[in-house]
C-alpha atoms as a PDB file:
ATOM      1  CA  MET A   1       0.000   0.000   0.000  1.00  0.00           C
ATOM      2  CA  PHE A   2       2.770   2.425   0.924  1.00  0.00           C
ATOM      3  CA  LYS A   3       4.594   1.730  -2.341  1.00  0.00           C
ATOM      4  CA  LYS A   4       1.455   2.524  -4.328  1.00  0.00           C
ATOM      5  CA  PHE A   5       0.979   5.766  -2.416  1.00  0.00           C
ATOM      6  CA  LEU A   6       4.617   6.715  -2.939  1.00  0.00           C
ATOM      7  CA  ALA A   7       4.355   5.948  -6.657  1.00  0.00           C
ATOM      8  CA  LEU A   8       1.244   8.143  -6.868  1.00  0.00           C
ATOM      9  CA  VAL A   9       3.000  11.034  -5.136  1.00  0.00           C
ATOM     10  CA  VAL A  10       6.020  10.744  -7.437  1.00  0.00           C
ATOM     11  CA  THR A  11       3.747  10.636 -10.497  1.00  0.00           C
ATOM     12  CA  LEU A  12       1.850  13.728  -9.364  1.00  0.00           C
ATOM     13  CA  CYS A  13       5.074  15.631  -8.712  1.00  0.00           C
ATOM     14  CA  ALA A  14       6.422  14.710 -12.124  1.00  0.00           C
ATOM     15  CA  THR A  15       3.168  15.823 -13.755  1.00  0.00           C
ATOM     16  CA  LEU A  16       3.260  19.158 -11.957  1.00  0.00           C
ATOM     17  CA  ALA A  17       6.888  19.687 -12.960  1.00  0.00           C
ATOM     18  CA  PHE A  18       5.906  19.474 -16.639  1.00  0.00           C
ATOM     19  CA  ALA A  19       2.637  21.391 -16.296  1.00  0.00           C
ATOM     20  CA  ALA A  20       2.091  24.300 -18.609  1.00  0.00           C
ATOM     21  CA  VAL A  21       2.661  27.758 -17.172  1.00  0.00           C
ATOM     22  CA  ASP A  22       0.443  30.430 -18.701  1.00  0.00           C
ATOM     23  CA  VAL A  23       2.303  33.723 -18.919  1.00  0.00           C
ATOM     24  CA  ASN A  24      -0.897  35.659 -18.138  1.00  0.00           C
ATOM     25  CA  ARG A  25      -1.685  33.752 -14.942  1.00  0.00           C
ATOM     26  CA  ALA A  26       1.686  32.653 -13.567  1.00  0.00           C
ATOM     27  CA  THR A  27       3.224  33.994 -10.386  1.00  0.00           C
ATOM     28  CA  GLU A  28       6.774  35.319 -10.330  1.00  0.00           C
ATOM     29  CA  ALA A  29       7.955  32.042  -8.795  1.00  0.00           C
ATOM     30  CA  GLU A  30       6.269  29.992 -11.520  1.00  0.00           C
ATOM     31  CA  LEU A  31       7.834  32.131 -14.253  1.00  0.00           C
ATOM     32  CA  ASP A  32      11.264  31.867 -12.614  1.00  0.00           C
ATOM     33  CA  GLY A  33      10.808  28.094 -12.572  1.00  0.00           C
ATOM     34  CA  ILE A  34      10.756  27.954 -16.368  1.00  0.00           C
ATOM     35  CA  LYS A  35      14.161  27.155 -17.825  1.00  0.00           C
ATOM     36  CA  GLY A  36      15.279  30.186 -19.832  1.00  0.00           C
ATOM     37  CA  VAL A  37      13.357  32.726 -17.744  1.00  0.00           C
ATOM     38  CA  GLY A  38      15.399  34.559 -15.167  1.00  0.00           C
ATOM     39  CA  PRO A  39      14.558  37.307 -12.692  1.00  0.00           C
ATOM     40  CA  SER A  40      14.957  40.149 -15.197  1.00  0.00           C
ATOM     41  CA  THR A  41      12.703  38.489 -17.785  1.00  0.00           C
ATOM     42  CA  THR A  42      10.166  37.740 -15.066  1.00  0.00           C
ATOM     43  CA  LYS A  43      10.110  41.415 -14.057  1.00  0.00           C
ATOM     44  CA  MET A  44       9.653  42.477 -17.680  1.00  0.00           C
ATOM     45  CA  ILE A  45       6.765  40.021 -18.084  1.00  0.00           C
ATOM     46  CA  MET A  46       5.105  41.215 -14.877  1.00  0.00           C
ATOM     47  CA  ASN A  47       5.471  44.881 -15.925  1.00  0.00           C
ATOM     48  CA  GLU A  48       4.022  44.215 -19.381  1.00  0.00           C
ATOM     49  CA  ARG A  49       1.155  42.238 -17.864  1.00  0.00           C
ATOM     50  CA  LYS A  50       0.150  45.333 -15.868  1.00  0.00           C
ATOM     51  CA  LYS A  51      -0.526  47.050 -19.215  1.00  0.00           C
ATOM     52  CA  GLY A  52      -2.798  44.202 -20.273  1.00  0.00           C
ATOM     53  CA  GLU A  53      -2.803  40.463 -20.848  1.00  0.00           C
ATOM     54  CA  PHE A  54      -0.844  38.986 -23.719  1.00  0.00           C
ATOM     55  CA  LYS A  55      -3.363  38.072 -26.400  1.00  0.00           C
ATOM     56  CA  SER A  56      -1.155  35.681 -28.362  1.00  0.00           C
ATOM     57  CA  TRP A  57       2.435  34.600 -28.836  1.00  0.00           C
ATOM     58  CA  GLU A  58       2.803  37.280 -31.510  1.00  0.00           C
ATOM     59  CA  ASP A  59       1.650  39.916 -29.015  1.00  0.00           C
ATOM     60  CA  PHE A  60       4.049  38.475 -26.418  1.00  0.00           C
ATOM     61  CA  ILE A  61       6.996  38.608 -28.846  1.00  0.00           C
ATOM     62  CA  ASP A  62       6.118  42.143 -29.972  1.00  0.00           C
ATOM     63  CA  ARG A  63       5.898  43.484 -26.419  1.00  0.00           C
ATOM     64  CA  MET A  64       8.838  41.626 -24.876  1.00  0.00           C
ATOM     65  CA  LYS A  65      12.285  42.979 -25.706  1.00  0.00           C
ATOM     66  CA  GLY A  66      14.774  40.182 -26.325  1.00  0.00           C
ATOM     67  CA  ILE A  67      12.235  37.499 -27.159  1.00  0.00           C
ATOM     68  CA  GLY A  68      11.985  36.423 -30.748  1.00  0.00           C
ATOM     69  CA  GLU A  69      10.751  33.346 -32.503  1.00  0.00           C
ATOM     70  CA  ALA A  70      13.761  31.199 -31.543  1.00  0.00           C
ATOM     71  CA  ARG A  71      13.451  31.991 -27.844  1.00  0.00           C
ATOM     72  CA  ALA A  72       9.668  31.568 -27.983  1.00  0.00           C
ATOM     73  CA  ILE A  73      10.182  28.054 -29.339  1.00  0.00           C
ATOM     74  CA  LYS A  74      12.470  27.225 -26.404  1.00  0.00           C
ATOM     75  CA  LEU A  75      10.143  28.750 -23.808  1.00  0.00           C
ATOM     76  CA  SER A  76       7.173  26.901 -25.247  1.00  0.00           C
ATOM     77  CA  ALA A  77       9.131  23.643 -25.132  1.00  0.00           C
ATOM     78  CA  GLU A  78       9.809  24.316 -21.438  1.00  0.00           C
ATOM     79  CA  GLY A  79       6.071  24.614 -20.770  1.00  0.00           C
ATOM     80  CA  MET A  80       5.249  28.300 -21.228  1.00  0.00           C
ATOM     81  CA  THR A  81       1.934  29.109 -22.868  1.00  0.00           C
ATOM     82  CA  VAL A  82       0.201  32.356 -23.829  1.00  0.00           C
ATOM     83  CA  SER A  83      -3.557  32.265 -23.264  1.00  0.00           C
ATOM     84  CA  GLY A  84      -3.272  28.480 -22.993  1.00  0.00           C
ATOM     85  CA  ALA A  85      -1.588  28.027 -26.385  1.00  0.00           C
ATOM     86  CA  SER A  86       1.865  26.673 -27.131  1.00  0.00           C
ATOM     87  CA  PHE A  87       4.024  28.508 -29.641  1.00  0.00           C
ATOM     88  CA  LYS A  88       3.726  27.378 -33.234  1.00  0.00           C
ATOM     89  CA  PRO A  89       6.449  28.941 -35.394  1.00  0.00           C
ATOM     90  CA  THR A  90       5.207  30.481 -38.591  1.00  0.00           C
ATOM     91  CA  GLY A  91       8.184  32.552 -39.641  1.00  0.00           C
ATOM     92  CA  ALA A  92       5.865  35.566 -39.790  1.00  0.00           C
ATOM     93  CA  THR A  93       6.242  36.555 -36.143  1.00  0.00           C
ATOM     94  CA  THR A  94       9.617  38.190 -36.555  1.00  0.00           C
ATOM     95  CA  ASP A  95       9.644  41.856 -37.427  1.00  0.00           C
ATOM     96  CA  ALA A  96      10.964  42.117 -40.981  1.00  0.00           C
ATOM     97  CA  LYS A  97      11.728  45.828 -40.562  1.00  0.00           C
ATOM     98  CA  ALA A  98      13.969  45.390 -37.537  1.00  0.00           C
ATOM     99  CA  PRO A  99      17.624  44.882 -38.471  1.00  0.00           C
ATOM    100  CA  SER A 100      19.643  42.268 -36.686  1.00  0.00           C
ATOM    101  CA  ARG A 101      21.966  43.591 -33.989  1.00  0.00           C
ATOM    102  CA  PHE A 102      24.642  41.227 -35.201  1.00  0.00           C
ATOM    103  CA  PRO A 103      25.621  41.325 -38.872  1.00  0.00           C
ATOM    104  CA  LYS A 104      25.910  38.088 -40.780  1.00  0.00           C
ATOM    105  CA  LYS A 105      29.376  36.804 -41.665  1.00  0.00           C
ATOM    106  CA  GLU A 106      28.799  37.654 -45.319  1.00  0.00           C
ATOM    107  CA  ASP A 107      27.938  41.244 -44.383  1.00  0.00           C
ATOM    108  CA  LYS A 108      31.123  41.535 -42.310  1.00  0.00           C
ATOM    109  CA  LYS A 109      33.216  40.299 -45.241  1.00  0.00           C
ATOM    110  CA  GLU A 110      31.565  42.786 -47.590  1.00  0.00           C
ATOM    111  CA  ALA A 111      32.127  45.623 -45.131  1.00  0.00           C
ATOM    112  CA  LYS A 112      35.816  44.707 -44.783  1.00  0.00           C
ATOM    113  CA  SER A 113      36.279  44.591 -48.539  1.00  0.00           C
ATOM    114  CA  GLU A 114      34.563  47.988 -48.898  1.00  0.00           C
ATOM    115  CA  VAL A 115      36.898  49.482 -46.270  1.00  0.00           C
ATOM    116  CA  ALA A 116      39.919  47.959 -48.006  1.00  0.00           C
ATOM    117  CA  LYS A 117      38.778  49.393 -51.372  1.00  0.00           C
ATOM    118  CA  SER A 118      38.279  52.857 -49.898  1.00  0.00           C
ATOM    119  CA  GLU A 119      41.730  52.764 -48.282  1.00  0.00           C
ATOM    120  CA  VAL A 120      43.326  51.795 -51.578  1.00  0.00           C
ATOM    121  CA  ALA A 121      41.418  54.592 -53.320  1.00  0.00           C
ATOM    122  CA  LYS A 122      42.720  57.139 -50.774  1.00  0.00           C
ATOM    123  CA  LYS A 123      46.357  56.206 -51.528  1.00  0.00           C
END
């Protein structure tokens, strides 16, 4: 009997560990418990929630600085949901107008060659 009870308790704990955490309803502790969400991200989420609930993952990504499609995929895999929904990547959630902070390797090579050409032209 005790073994069955212990197995039930372990099963329940494991289920709760993998339970979905809705970003609109979660406490600070629940958000901090998600792998990939630290104290600063939790504070940002809580501050944005004061302005209004997140309507969708797209709304969440738009309002949260530093969270794009790649990070949303990871957070969703760790159990985060927005309005009960997991993230489904579409490729359309990233802002096409926003430039990347980090240039691609090809862009760096082109920039170096342009600088080298201008230096040769100066001489």
